[in-house]
Amino acid sequence: MARMVIVGSGVVGQATGKGFTKKGHSVSYVDINPQTIVRLRESGLTAMTAAEVDWNAVDIVMLAVSTPSVNGEIVLDYIESAAMDVGHGLARTDTYVTVVVRSTVPPTTTERRIARILEQASGKRVGVDFGVAMNPEFLRAVSSEQDFARPWITVLGTSDRRTAEILDELYRPFGALIVRCTPTEAEMIKYVNNVYNAVKISYFNEVHAICQELGIDSSLIGATVARSAESMWNPLYGTRGGVPYGGACLPKDTTAFMAFARENGWQHLVLEATMEVNRRLEENVPAVPSPDKIDEMLEVLRRNEGAEPSGEELIMVVGAQEQIVL
C-alpha cells in the first residue's frame, strides 16, 4: 500500500485522503493553517506542516490546494507555494515520489509551471528522479466522499510510463473507466467538463426566460428535450470538433428561432454565439453529408493544409451528394 501525503485539506483534499484511507493506504494531510491541522488531528487524522513530513516515508503526494479566481484571473500562488514546499522535501529523499496535481489549473500548468518548480526546488529531474501527473477531480461538494468512493471516470494525465503505472495501480481498485492521457489533456478535460456544464445551464436559463414570456412550462420543455435531443441521449454527439453543423434542420431552425426571439425583443445570447461560431468555421470548412464523414473531412483538411480548396471541392473529396444534419 502507498504512503500518501495530501497537501490541502479542503473538500477535495479530505475526500481524496479519506477515500484512499478506506482502500488501505497510509494517508497524512499537510496544511499551512495551524487551526486546520488541529481540527484534523482532533478528528483522528494525521496532519502536519510540510516541514514536519518525513519525506523518506512518502510515495505519493497529492496537491489539492485552492486555485481561486480573483478579479477575473486564476490565482496559482497557493499551488506554486505548495509545489515549492514539496520540491524542498524531494531534495531530502532518494525515494521516487509521484507528485499529483488534483487542483483545477489551466492547460500546460502542470508541465510548464509545477514540474519546473519541483525540479528547481529539489535539484532533481522530473520523469527520472520523481514523477508528475495531473489527476483532475469530478467531485460534487455535497457528496464529495461518496463521489470519490464511486467514481464514474478517472483521468490520469502522465508523461512517463513509471508514473502512469503507479497511478494505474492506485486507481484500478475503484473500478471506474480510466482515461490515460497527457497532463495538458487532463487539465483541458477538467475545464471543458466544467465550462460545458455552465454553458448548458445558461442555455436552459435562456430557454426558461423565453418560456416565461410565452406563458409555458419550461420544466416540461427541458425534461422532454432531455429525452428527445440526440445530443442528450448520445453522449458523443457533437463532441468531434473541427466541422460545422449543417444539413436540412440545424442551420434553418437556429436562424428561424433567433429571428423569432429578436422579433419579440427577447435575448438569446447562447444561440447568437452558437451561430457565430458556426458561421466563422464555415468560412473555411464545409459541413459534411453525415457524421461518419467527419474524420474523412478532417483528414482532407490536414492533407490540404496550406492550400485553399473551395468548400465544394472539399465536399466532393469526401463523396458528398447531399448535406444532412450532424
C-alpha atoms as a PDB file:
ATOM      1  CA  MET A   1       0.000   0.000   0.000  1.00  0.00           C
ATOM      2  CA  ALA A   2       1.110   3.550  -0.757  1.00  0.00           C
ATOM      3  CA  ARG A   3       2.290   6.124   1.756  1.00  0.00           C
ATOM      4  CA  MET A   4       0.466   9.273   0.731  1.00  0.00           C
ATOM      5  CA  VAL A   5       0.578  12.960   1.595  1.00  0.00           C
ATOM      6  CA  ILE A   6      -2.410  15.167   0.749  1.00  0.00           C
ATOM      7  CA  VAL A   7      -1.429  18.842   0.522  1.00  0.00           C
ATOM      8  CA  GLY A   8      -4.523  20.929   1.119  1.00  0.00           C
ATOM      9  CA  SER A   9      -7.305  19.854   3.445  1.00  0.00           C
ATOM     10  CA  GLY A  10     -10.422  21.309   1.861  1.00  0.00           C
ATOM     11  CA  VAL A  11     -13.303  19.387   0.311  1.00  0.00           C
ATOM     12  CA  VAL A  12     -11.169  17.797  -2.409  1.00  0.00           C
ATOM     13  CA  GLY A  13      -8.207  17.041  -0.162  1.00  0.00           C
ATOM     14  CA  GLN A  14     -10.237  15.393   2.578  1.00  0.00           C
ATOM     15  CA  ALA A  15     -12.431  13.403   0.177  1.00  0.00           C
ATOM     16  CA  THR A  16      -9.309  12.187  -1.598  1.00  0.00           C
ATOM     17  CA  GLY A  17      -7.470  11.288   1.595  1.00  0.00           C
ATOM     18  CA  LYS A  18     -10.407   9.533   3.233  1.00  0.00           C
ATOM     19  CA  GLY A  19     -11.115   7.598   0.047  1.00  0.00           C
ATOM     20  CA  PHE A  20      -7.577   6.262  -0.156  1.00  0.00           C
ATOM     21  CA  THR A  21      -7.533   5.506   3.569  1.00  0.00           C
ATOM     22  CA  LYS A  22     -10.561   3.247   3.101  1.00  0.00           C
ATOM     23  CA  LYS A  23      -8.585   1.367   0.438  1.00  0.00           C
ATOM     24  CA  GLY A  24      -5.858   0.642   2.968  1.00  0.00           C
ATOM     25  CA  HIS A  25      -3.317   3.342   2.098  1.00  0.00           C
ATOM     26  CA  SER A  26      -1.443   5.364   4.724  1.00  0.00           C
ATOM     27  CA  VAL A  27      -2.562   8.994   4.408  1.00  0.00           C
ATOM     28  CA  SER A  28      -1.242  12.162   6.034  1.00  0.00           C
ATOM     29  CA  TYR A  29      -2.526  15.693   5.489  1.00  0.00           C
ATOM     30  CA  VAL A  30      -0.362  18.774   5.070  1.00  0.00           C
ATOM     31  CA  ASP A  31      -1.715  22.261   5.623  1.00  0.00           C
ATOM     32  CA  ILE A  32      -0.352  25.721   6.317  1.00  0.00           C
ATOM     33  CA  ASN A  33      -3.145  26.654   8.730  1.00  0.00           C
ATOM     34  CA  PRO A  34      -2.391  25.619  12.349  1.00  0.00           C
ATOM     35  CA  GLN A  35      -6.092  25.635  13.241  1.00  0.00           C
ATOM     36  CA  THR A  36      -6.888  23.309  10.348  1.00  0.00           C
ATOM     37  CA  ILE A  37      -4.142  20.944  11.476  1.00  0.00           C
ATOM     38  CA  VAL A  38      -5.578  20.918  14.991  1.00  0.00           C
ATOM     39  CA  ARG A  39      -9.093  20.173  13.697  1.00  0.00           C
ATOM     40  CA  LEU A  40      -7.823  17.335  11.533  1.00  0.00           C
ATOM     41  CA  ARG A  41      -5.914  15.809  14.430  1.00  0.00           C
ATOM     42  CA  GLU A  42      -8.952  16.130  16.717  1.00  0.00           C
ATOM     43  CA  SER A  43     -10.966  14.175  14.162  1.00  0.00           C
ATOM     44  CA  GLY A  44      -8.410  11.353  14.265  1.00  0.00           C
ATOM     45  CA  LEU A  45      -6.476  12.200  11.095  1.00  0.00           C
ATOM     46  CA  THR A  46      -2.710  12.565  10.754  1.00  0.00           C
ATOM     47  CA  ALA A  47      -1.926  16.193   9.936  1.00  0.00           C
ATOM     48  CA  MET A  48       1.167  18.370   9.925  1.00  0.00           C
ATOM     49  CA  THR A  49       3.055  21.134   8.140  1.00  0.00           C
ATOM     50  CA  ALA A  50       5.301  20.383   5.161  1.00  0.00           C
ATOM     51  CA  ALA A  51       8.367  20.904   7.367  1.00  0.00           C
ATOM     52  CA  GLU A  52       7.227  18.063   9.647  1.00  0.00           C
ATOM     53  CA  VAL A  53       6.861  15.452   6.874  1.00  0.00           C
ATOM     54  CA  ASP A  54       9.262  12.515   6.827  1.00  0.00           C
ATOM     55  CA  TRP A  55       9.918  12.612   3.084  1.00  0.00           C
ATOM     56  CA  ASN A  56      11.705   9.257   3.198  1.00  0.00           C
ATOM     57  CA  ALA A  57       8.330   7.734   4.097  1.00  0.00           C
ATOM     58  CA  VAL A  58       6.354   9.206   1.180  1.00  0.00           C
ATOM     59  CA  ASP A  59       5.440   7.522  -2.104  1.00  0.00           C
ATOM     60  CA  ILE A  60       2.732   9.801  -3.492  1.00  0.00           C
ATOM     61  CA  VAL A  61       1.889  13.474  -2.962  1.00  0.00           C
ATOM     62  CA  MET A  62      -1.493  14.886  -3.965  1.00  0.00           C
ATOM     63  CA  LEU A  63      -1.680  18.664  -4.452  1.00  0.00           C
ATOM     64  CA  ALA A  64      -5.260  19.635  -3.633  1.00  0.00           C
ATOM     65  CA  VAL A  65      -4.885  23.282  -2.704  1.00  0.00           C
ATOM     66  CA  SER A  66      -7.193  26.098  -3.726  1.00  0.00           C
ATOM     67  CA  THR A  67      -6.827  27.777  -7.147  1.00  0.00           C
ATOM     68  CA  PRO A  68      -9.374  30.618  -6.867  1.00  0.00           C
ATOM     69  CA  SER A  69     -10.265  33.223  -9.455  1.00  0.00           C
ATOM     70  CA  VAL A  70      -9.789  36.822  -8.295  1.00  0.00           C
ATOM     71  CA  ASN A  71     -10.699  39.844 -10.413  1.00  0.00           C
ATOM     72  CA  GLY A  72     -11.268  37.608 -13.403  1.00  0.00           C
ATOM     73  CA  GLU A  73      -7.917  35.796 -13.204  1.00  0.00           C
ATOM     74  CA  ILE A  74      -6.874  32.485 -11.688  1.00  0.00           C
ATOM     75  CA  VAL A  75      -4.549  32.627  -8.684  1.00  0.00           C
ATOM     76  CA  LEU A  76      -1.845  29.948  -8.774  1.00  0.00           C
ATOM     77  CA  ASP A  77       0.160  31.328  -5.853  1.00  0.00           C
ATOM     78  CA  TYR A  78      -1.071  28.678  -3.399  1.00  0.00           C
ATOM     79  CA  ILE A  79      -0.360  25.655  -5.560  1.00  0.00           C
ATOM     80  CA  GLU A  80       3.003  27.062  -6.626  1.00  0.00           C
ATOM     81  CA  SER A  81       3.925  27.632  -2.993  1.00  0.00           C
ATOM     82  CA  ALA A  82       2.822  24.082  -2.178  1.00  0.00           C
ATOM     83  CA  ALA A  83       4.917  22.761  -5.070  1.00  0.00           C
ATOM     84  CA  MET A  84       7.923  24.638  -3.722  1.00  0.00           C
ATOM     85  CA  ASP A  85       7.459  23.024  -0.291  1.00  0.00           C
ATOM     86  CA  VAL A  86       7.136  19.583  -1.881  1.00  0.00           C
ATOM     87  CA  GLY A  87      10.221  20.219  -4.023  1.00  0.00           C
ATOM     88  CA  HIS A  88      12.254  21.010  -0.929  1.00  0.00           C
ATOM     89  CA  GLY A  89      11.000  17.752   0.544  1.00  0.00           C
ATOM     90  CA  LEU A  90      12.004  15.802  -2.570  1.00  0.00           C
ATOM     91  CA  ALA A  91      15.519  17.161  -2.154  1.00  0.00           C
ATOM     92  CA  ARG A  92      15.738  15.288   1.163  1.00  0.00           C
ATOM     93  CA  THR A  93      14.818  11.818  -0.087  1.00  0.00           C
ATOM     94  CA  ASP A  94      16.082   9.214  -2.531  1.00  0.00           C
ATOM     95  CA  THR A  95      12.594   7.716  -2.875  1.00  0.00           C
ATOM     96  CA  TYR A  96      10.872   8.033  -6.256  1.00  0.00           C
ATOM     97  CA  VAL A  97       7.891  10.181  -5.264  1.00  0.00           C
ATOM     98  CA  THR A  98       4.928  10.745  -7.569  1.00  0.00           C
ATOM     99  CA  VAL A  99       3.522  14.276  -7.310  1.00  0.00           C
ATOM    100  CA  VAL A 100      -0.079  14.511  -8.495  1.00  0.00           C
ATOM    101  CA  VAL A 101      -1.932  17.751  -9.223  1.00  0.00           C
ATOM    102  CA  ARG A 102      -5.575  17.411  -8.132  1.00  0.00           C
ATOM    103  CA  SER A 103      -6.308  21.140  -8.170  1.00  0.00           C
ATOM    104  CA  THR A 104      -8.010  22.645 -11.208  1.00  0.00           C
ATOM    105  CA  VAL A 105      -5.351  24.500 -13.200  1.00  0.00           C
ATOM    106  CA  PRO A 106      -5.204  25.929 -16.747  1.00  0.00           C
ATOM    107  CA  PRO A 107      -3.803  23.728 -19.518  1.00  0.00           C
ATOM    108  CA  THR A 108       0.024  23.434 -19.513  1.00  0.00           C
ATOM    109  CA  THR A 109       0.299  24.453 -15.820  1.00  0.00           C
ATOM    110  CA  THR A 110       1.397  21.040 -14.554  1.00  0.00           C
ATOM    111  CA  GLU A 111       4.243  20.586 -17.012  1.00  0.00           C
ATOM    112  CA  ARG A 112       5.330  24.187 -17.544  1.00  0.00           C
ATOM    113  CA  ARG A 113       4.991  25.564 -14.031  1.00  0.00           C
ATOM    114  CA  ILE A 114       4.505  22.917 -11.342  1.00  0.00           C
ATOM    115  CA  ALA A 115       7.066  20.441 -12.733  1.00  0.00           C
ATOM    116  CA  ARG A 116       9.647  23.206 -13.180  1.00  0.00           C
ATOM    117  CA  ILE A 117       9.143  24.453  -9.625  1.00  0.00           C
ATOM    118  CA  LEU A 118       9.587  20.911  -8.334  1.00  0.00           C
ATOM    119  CA  GLU A 119      12.795  20.495 -10.348  1.00  0.00           C
ATOM    120  CA  GLN A 120      14.225  23.822  -9.239  1.00  0.00           C
ATOM    121  CA  ALA A 121      13.398  23.266  -5.564  1.00  0.00           C
ATOM    122  CA  SER A 122      14.602  19.650  -5.469  1.00  0.00           C
ATOM    123  CA  GLY A 123      17.549  19.790  -7.850  1.00  0.00           C
ATOM    124  CA  LYS A 124      16.152  16.637  -9.450  1.00  0.00           C
ATOM    125  CA  ARG A 125      14.677  15.704 -12.830  1.00  0.00           C
ATOM    126  CA  VAL A 126      11.012  15.017 -13.471  1.00  0.00           C
ATOM    127  CA  GLY A 127      10.414  11.619 -15.028  1.00  0.00           C
ATOM    128  CA  VAL A 128      13.776  10.383 -13.747  1.00  0.00           C
ATOM    129  CA  ASP A 129      14.015  11.115 -10.032  1.00  0.00           C
ATOM    130  CA  PHE A 130      10.335  11.809  -9.366  1.00  0.00           C
ATOM    131  CA  GLY A 131       7.060  11.685 -11.248  1.00  0.00           C
ATOM    132  CA  VAL A 132       4.485  14.354 -12.037  1.00  0.00           C
ATOM    133  CA  ALA A 133       0.887  13.807 -13.047  1.00  0.00           C
ATOM    134  CA  MET A 134      -2.416  15.620 -13.417  1.00  0.00           C
ATOM    135  CA  ASN A 135      -5.441  13.813 -11.987  1.00  0.00           C
ATOM    136  CA  PRO A 136      -8.493  16.109 -12.093  1.00  0.00           C
ATOM    137  CA  GLU A 137     -11.321  15.610  -9.651  1.00  0.00           C
ATOM    138  CA  PHE A 138     -15.002  15.400 -10.576  1.00  0.00           C
ATOM    139  CA  LEU A 139     -16.410  15.688  -7.077  1.00  0.00           C
ATOM    140  CA  ARG A 140     -19.625  17.424  -6.096  1.00  0.00           C
ATOM    141  CA  ALA A 141     -19.287  19.452  -2.902  1.00  0.00           C
ATOM    142  CA  VAL A 142     -22.412  17.941  -1.315  1.00  0.00           C
ATOM    143  CA  SER A 143     -21.340  14.341  -1.969  1.00  0.00           C
ATOM    144  CA  SER A 144     -17.568  14.526  -2.388  1.00  0.00           C
ATOM    145  CA  GLU A 145     -16.664  11.472  -0.311  1.00  0.00           C
ATOM    146  CA  GLN A 146     -19.297   9.289  -1.976  1.00  0.00           C
ATOM    147  CA  ASP A 147     -18.250  10.527  -5.426  1.00  0.00           C
ATOM    148  CA  PHE A 148     -14.616   9.687  -4.718  1.00  0.00           C
ATOM    149  CA  ALA A 149     -15.525   6.219  -3.481  1.00  0.00           C
ATOM    150  CA  ARG A 150     -17.700   5.526  -6.552  1.00  0.00           C
ATOM    151  CA  PRO A 151     -16.177   7.486  -9.463  1.00  0.00           C
ATOM    152  CA  TRP A 152     -17.813   7.422 -12.885  1.00  0.00           C
ATOM    153  CA  ILE A 153     -14.473   8.173 -14.566  1.00  0.00           C
ATOM    154  CA  THR A 154     -10.803   8.568 -13.628  1.00  0.00           C
ATOM    155  CA  VAL A 155      -8.472  10.732 -15.732  1.00  0.00           C
ATOM    156  CA  LEU A 156      -4.727  10.175 -15.401  1.00  0.00           C
ATOM    157  CA  GLY A 157      -2.518  12.694 -17.172  1.00  0.00           C
ATOM    158  CA  THR A 158       1.088  11.492 -17.183  1.00  0.00           C
ATOM    159  CA  SER A 159       4.197  11.939 -19.300  1.00  0.00           C
ATOM    160  CA  ASP A 160       6.264   8.900 -18.268  1.00  0.00           C
ATOM    161  CA  ARG A 161       5.470   5.197 -18.027  1.00  0.00           C
ATOM    162  CA  ARG A 162       6.571   4.697 -14.429  1.00  0.00           C
ATOM    163  CA  THR A 163       4.225   7.373 -13.124  1.00  0.00           C
ATOM    164  CA  ALA A 164       1.393   6.049 -15.293  1.00  0.00           C
ATOM    165  CA  GLU A 165       1.836   2.533 -13.901  1.00  0.00           C
ATOM    166  CA  ILE A 166       1.910   3.787 -10.303  1.00  0.00           C
ATOM    167  CA  LEU A 167      -1.366   5.667 -10.732  1.00  0.00           C
ATOM    168  CA  ASP A 168      -2.982   2.828 -12.660  1.00  0.00           C
ATOM    169  CA  GLU A 169      -2.332   0.524  -9.724  1.00  0.00           C
ATOM    170  CA  LEU A 170      -3.563   3.156  -7.276  1.00  0.00           C
ATOM    171  CA  TYR A 171      -6.901   3.768  -9.008  1.00  0.00           C
ATOM    172  CA  ARG A 172      -7.690   0.357 -10.528  1.00  0.00           C
ATOM    173  CA  PRO A 173      -9.458  -0.917  -7.368  1.00  0.00           C
ATOM    174  CA  PHE A 174     -12.078   1.841  -7.676  1.00  0.00           C
ATOM    175  CA  GLY A 175     -13.408   0.164 -10.808  1.00  0.00           C
ATOM    176  CA  ALA A 176     -14.122   3.236 -12.928  1.00  0.00           C
ATOM    177  CA  LEU A 177     -13.210   3.805 -16.559  1.00  0.00           C
ATOM    178  CA  ILE A 178      -9.598   5.064 -16.638  1.00  0.00           C
ATOM    179  CA  VAL A 179      -8.680   7.604 -19.307  1.00  0.00           C
ATOM    180  CA  ARG A 180      -4.920   7.792 -19.856  1.00  0.00           C
ATOM    181  CA  CYS A 181      -3.632  10.998 -21.429  1.00  0.00           C
ATOM    182  CA  THR A 182      -1.048  13.781 -21.075  1.00  0.00           C
ATOM    183  CA  PRO A 183      -1.131  16.259 -18.182  1.00  0.00           C
ATOM    184  CA  THR A 184      -2.254  19.056 -20.510  1.00  0.00           C
ATOM    185  CA  GLU A 185      -5.068  16.911 -21.899  1.00  0.00           C
ATOM    186  CA  ALA A 186      -6.151  16.115 -18.334  1.00  0.00           C
ATOM    187  CA  GLU A 187      -6.188  19.820 -17.447  1.00  0.00           C
ATOM    188  CA  MET A 188      -8.235  20.574 -20.559  1.00  0.00           C
ATOM    189  CA  ILE A 189     -10.698  17.777 -19.802  1.00  0.00           C
ATOM    190  CA  LYS A 190     -11.424  19.294 -16.382  1.00  0.00           C
ATOM    191  CA  TYR A 191     -12.047  22.785 -17.731  1.00  0.00           C
ATOM    192  CA  VAL A 192     -14.161  21.600 -20.671  1.00  0.00           C
ATOM    193  CA  ASN A 193     -16.146  19.478 -18.205  1.00  0.00           C
ATOM    194  CA  ASN A 194     -16.982  22.455 -16.003  1.00  0.00           C
ATOM    195  CA  VAL A 195     -17.413  25.007 -18.773  1.00  0.00           C
ATOM    196  CA  TYR A 196     -19.772  22.709 -20.674  1.00  0.00           C
ATOM    197  CA  ASN A 197     -21.895  22.323 -17.547  1.00  0.00           C
ATOM    198  CA  ALA A 198     -22.024  26.102 -17.216  1.00  0.00           C
ATOM    199  CA  VAL A 199     -22.946  26.579 -20.887  1.00  0.00           C
ATOM    200  CA  LYS A 200     -25.751  24.034 -20.605  1.00  0.00           C
ATOM    201  CA  ILE A 201     -27.161  25.746 -17.516  1.00  0.00           C
ATOM    202  CA  SER A 202     -27.004  29.152 -19.209  1.00  0.00           C
ATOM    203  CA  TYR A 203     -28.675  27.800 -22.352  1.00  0.00           C
ATOM    204  CA  PHE A 204     -31.627  26.401 -20.428  1.00  0.00           C
ATOM    205  CA  ASN A 205     -31.844  29.572 -18.342  1.00  0.00           C
ATOM    206  CA  GLU A 206     -32.368  31.478 -21.592  1.00  0.00           C
ATOM    207  CA  VAL A 207     -34.930  28.876 -22.679  1.00  0.00           C
ATOM    208  CA  HIS A 208     -36.659  29.342 -19.325  1.00  0.00           C
ATOM    209  CA  ALA A 209     -36.827  33.115 -19.818  1.00  0.00           C
ATOM    210  CA  ILE A 210     -38.405  32.713 -23.269  1.00  0.00           C
ATOM    211  CA  CYS A 211     -40.865  30.138 -21.932  1.00  0.00           C
ATOM    212  CA  GLN A 212     -41.899  32.583 -19.220  1.00  0.00           C
ATOM    213  CA  GLU A 213     -42.571  35.216 -21.881  1.00  0.00           C
ATOM    214  CA  LEU A 214     -44.717  32.675 -23.748  1.00  0.00           C
ATOM    215  CA  GLY A 215     -46.510  31.552 -20.597  1.00  0.00           C
ATOM    216  CA  ILE A 216     -45.490  27.896 -20.979  1.00  0.00           C
ATOM    217  CA  ASP A 217     -43.863  25.330 -18.698  1.00  0.00           C
ATOM    218  CA  SER A 218     -40.058  25.452 -19.098  1.00  0.00           C
ATOM    219  CA  SER A 219     -39.628  22.382 -16.887  1.00  0.00           C
ATOM    220  CA  LEU A 220     -41.736  20.341 -19.287  1.00  0.00           C
ATOM    221  CA  ILE A 221     -39.710  21.659 -22.235  1.00  0.00           C
ATOM    222  CA  GLY A 222     -36.374  20.861 -20.622  1.00  0.00           C
ATOM    223  CA  ALA A 223     -37.365  17.402 -19.374  1.00  0.00           C
ATOM    224  CA  THR A 224     -38.749  16.433 -22.778  1.00  0.00           C
ATOM    225  CA  VAL A 225     -35.743  17.732 -24.735  1.00  0.00           C
ATOM    226  CA  ALA A 226     -33.510  15.741 -22.374  1.00  0.00           C
ATOM    227  CA  ARG A 227     -35.148  12.663 -23.899  1.00  0.00           C
ATOM    228  CA  SER A 228     -35.738  13.821 -27.473  1.00  0.00           C
ATOM    229  CA  ALA A 229     -32.486  15.568 -28.451  1.00  0.00           C
ATOM    230  CA  GLU A 230     -29.750  13.234 -29.679  1.00  0.00           C
ATOM    231  CA  SER A 231     -27.145  15.412 -28.011  1.00  0.00           C
ATOM    232  CA  MET A 232     -28.730  14.435 -24.694  1.00  0.00           C
ATOM    233  CA  TRP A 233     -29.039  10.663 -25.052  1.00  0.00           C
ATOM    234  CA  ASN A 234     -25.966  10.159 -27.280  1.00  0.00           C
ATOM    235  CA  PRO A 235     -23.045  11.420 -25.161  1.00  0.00           C
ATOM    236  CA  LEU A 236     -20.638  11.602 -28.128  1.00  0.00           C
ATOM    237  CA  TYR A 237     -22.964  13.649 -30.337  1.00  0.00           C
ATOM    238  CA  GLY A 238     -21.301  16.899 -31.376  1.00  0.00           C
ATOM    239  CA  THR A 239     -18.079  16.264 -29.459  1.00  0.00           C
ATOM    240  CA  ARG A 240     -15.947  15.634 -32.570  1.00  0.00           C
ATOM    241  CA  GLY A 241     -14.753  19.164 -33.235  1.00  0.00           C
ATOM    242  CA  GLY A 242     -13.483  20.760 -36.424  1.00  0.00           C
ATOM    243  CA  VAL A 243     -16.530  20.635 -38.710  1.00  0.00           C
ATOM    244  CA  PRO A 244     -19.578  22.971 -38.591  1.00  0.00           C
ATOM    245  CA  TYR A 245     -23.125  21.789 -38.157  1.00  0.00           C
ATOM    246  CA  GLY A 246     -25.158  21.704 -41.356  1.00  0.00           C
ATOM    247  CA  GLY A 247     -27.905  19.793 -43.101  1.00  0.00           C
ATOM    248  CA  ALA A 248     -31.597  20.399 -43.535  1.00  0.00           C
ATOM    249  CA  CYS A 249     -32.544  21.289 -39.960  1.00  0.00           C
ATOM    250  CA  LEU A 250     -29.900  22.894 -37.779  1.00  0.00           C
ATOM    251  CA  PRO A 251     -28.995  25.948 -39.926  1.00  0.00           C
ATOM    252  CA  LYS A 252     -32.643  26.605 -40.795  1.00  0.00           C
ATOM    253  CA  ASP A 253     -34.022  26.206 -37.297  1.00  0.00           C
ATOM    254  CA  THR A 254     -31.305  28.139 -35.474  1.00  0.00           C
ATOM    255  CA  THR A 255     -31.845  31.062 -37.862  1.00  0.00           C
ATOM    256  CA  ALA A 256     -35.626  30.891 -37.543  1.00  0.00           C
ATOM    257  CA  PHE A 257     -35.669  30.725 -33.757  1.00  0.00           C
ATOM    258  CA  MET A 258     -33.140  33.548 -33.471  1.00  0.00           C
ATOM    259  CA  ALA A 259     -35.366  35.682 -35.686  1.00  0.00           C
ATOM    260  CA  PHE A 260     -38.403  34.742 -33.578  1.00  0.00           C
ATOM    261  CA  ALA A 261     -36.650  35.829 -30.374  1.00  0.00           C
ATOM    262  CA  ARG A 262     -35.479  39.118 -31.883  1.00  0.00           C
ATOM    263  CA  GLU A 263     -38.891  39.941 -33.311  1.00  0.00           C
ATOM    264  CA  ASN A 264     -40.288  39.668 -29.796  1.00  0.00           C
ATOM    265  CA  GLY A 265     -37.456  41.648 -28.222  1.00  0.00           C
ATOM    266  CA  TRP A 266     -36.045  38.680 -26.311  1.00  0.00           C
ATOM    267  CA  GLN A 267     -32.372  37.906 -25.830  1.00  0.00           C
ATOM    268  CA  HIS A 268     -30.837  34.576 -26.777  1.00  0.00           C
ATOM    269  CA  LEU A 269     -27.126  35.145 -26.305  1.00  0.00           C
ATOM    270  CA  VAL A 270     -26.113  31.476 -26.288  1.00  0.00           C
ATOM    271  CA  LEU A 271     -27.826  30.904 -29.641  1.00  0.00           C
ATOM    272  CA  GLU A 272     -26.241  34.056 -31.089  1.00  0.00           C
ATOM    273  CA  ALA A 273     -22.795  32.829 -30.061  1.00  0.00           C
ATOM    274  CA  THR A 274     -23.532  29.350 -31.418  1.00  0.00           C
ATOM    275  CA  MET A 275     -24.493  30.692 -34.834  1.00  0.00           C
ATOM    276  CA  GLU A 276     -21.469  32.989 -34.946  1.00  0.00           C
ATOM    277  CA  VAL A 277     -19.053  30.156 -34.110  1.00  0.00           C
ATOM    278  CA  ASN A 278     -20.597  28.064 -36.883  1.00  0.00           C
ATOM    279  CA  ARG A 279     -20.502  30.948 -39.372  1.00  0.00           C
ATOM    280  CA  ARG A 280     -16.804  31.528 -38.792  1.00  0.00           C
ATOM    281  CA  LEU A 281     -15.988  27.834 -39.133  1.00  0.00           C
ATOM    282  CA  GLU A 282     -17.983  27.611 -42.371  1.00  0.00           C
ATOM    283  CA  GLU A 283     -15.682  30.219 -43.922  1.00  0.00           C
ATOM    284  CA  ASN A 284     -13.021  27.522 -44.181  1.00  0.00           C
ATOM    285  CA  VAL A 285     -14.723  24.170 -43.595  1.00  0.00           C
ATOM    286  CA  PRO A 286     -17.971  22.927 -45.158  1.00  0.00           C
ATOM    287  CA  ALA A 287     -20.461  20.746 -43.347  1.00  0.00           C
ATOM    288  CA  VAL A 288     -20.268  17.052 -44.253  1.00  0.00           C
ATOM    289  CA  PRO A 289     -23.107  14.836 -45.550  1.00  0.00           C
ATOM    290  CA  SER A 290     -23.177  12.607 -42.455  1.00  0.00           C
ATOM    291  CA  PRO A 291     -21.446  12.266 -39.081  1.00  0.00           C
ATOM    292  CA  ASP A 292     -19.393   9.297 -40.265  1.00  0.00           C
ATOM    293  CA  LYS A 293     -17.672  11.635 -42.765  1.00  0.00           C
ATOM    294  CA  ILE A 294     -16.244  13.984 -40.119  1.00  0.00           C
ATOM    295  CA  ASP A 295     -12.944  12.153 -39.751  1.00  0.00           C
ATOM    296  CA  GLU A 296     -12.624  11.905 -43.516  1.00  0.00           C
ATOM    297  CA  MET A 297     -13.193  15.649 -43.875  1.00  0.00           C
ATOM    298  CA  LEU A 298     -10.627  16.419 -41.180  1.00  0.00           C
ATOM    299  CA  GLU A 299      -8.114  14.170 -42.942  1.00  0.00           C
ATOM    300  CA  VAL A 300      -8.744  16.002 -46.224  1.00  0.00           C
ATOM    301  CA  LEU A 301      -8.219  19.325 -44.467  1.00  0.00           C
ATOM    302  CA  ARG A 302      -4.983  18.045 -42.967  1.00  0.00           C
ATOM    303  CA  ARG A 303      -3.702  16.903 -46.365  1.00  0.00           C
ATOM    304  CA  ASN A 304      -4.662  20.229 -47.908  1.00  0.00           C
ATOM    305  CA  GLU A 305      -3.101  22.331 -45.169  1.00  0.00           C
ATOM    306  CA  GLY A 306      -1.563  25.379 -46.793  1.00  0.00           C
ATOM    307  CA  ALA A 307      -3.787  25.072 -49.867  1.00  0.00           C
ATOM    308  CA  GLU A 308      -7.124  26.828 -50.219  1.00  0.00           C
ATOM    309  CA  PRO A 309      -9.624  24.434 -51.817  1.00  0.00           C
ATOM    310  CA  SER A 310     -13.205  25.660 -52.027  1.00  0.00           C
ATOM    311  CA  GLY A 311     -15.976  24.224 -49.886  1.00  0.00           C
ATOM    312  CA  GLU A 312     -17.431  22.496 -52.939  1.00  0.00           C
ATOM    313  CA  GLU A 313     -14.082  20.857 -53.697  1.00  0.00           C
ATOM    314  CA  LEU A 314     -13.773  19.592 -50.132  1.00  0.00           C
ATOM    315  CA  ILE A 315     -17.285  18.158 -50.185  1.00  0.00           C
ATOM    316  CA  MET A 316     -16.543  16.372 -53.455  1.00  0.00           C
ATOM    317  CA  VAL A 317     -13.445  14.818 -51.947  1.00  0.00           C
ATOM    318  CA  VAL A 318     -15.444  13.118 -49.185  1.00  0.00           C
ATOM    319  CA  GLY A 319     -18.017  11.903 -51.708  1.00  0.00           C
ATOM    320  CA  ALA A 320     -20.901  14.078 -50.606  1.00  0.00           C
ATOM    321  CA  GLN A 321     -24.126  14.233 -52.565  1.00  0.00           C
ATOM    322  CA  GLU A 322     -26.298  15.924 -50.001  1.00  0.00           C
ATOM    323  CA  GLN A 323     -25.580  17.614 -46.674  1.00  0.00           C
ATOM    324  CA  ILE A 324     -27.540  16.230 -43.758  1.00  0.00           C
ATOM    325  CA  VAL A 325     -27.803  17.238 -40.123  1.00  0.00           C
ATOM    326  CA  LEU A 326     -24.926  16.436 -37.780  1.00  0.00           C
END
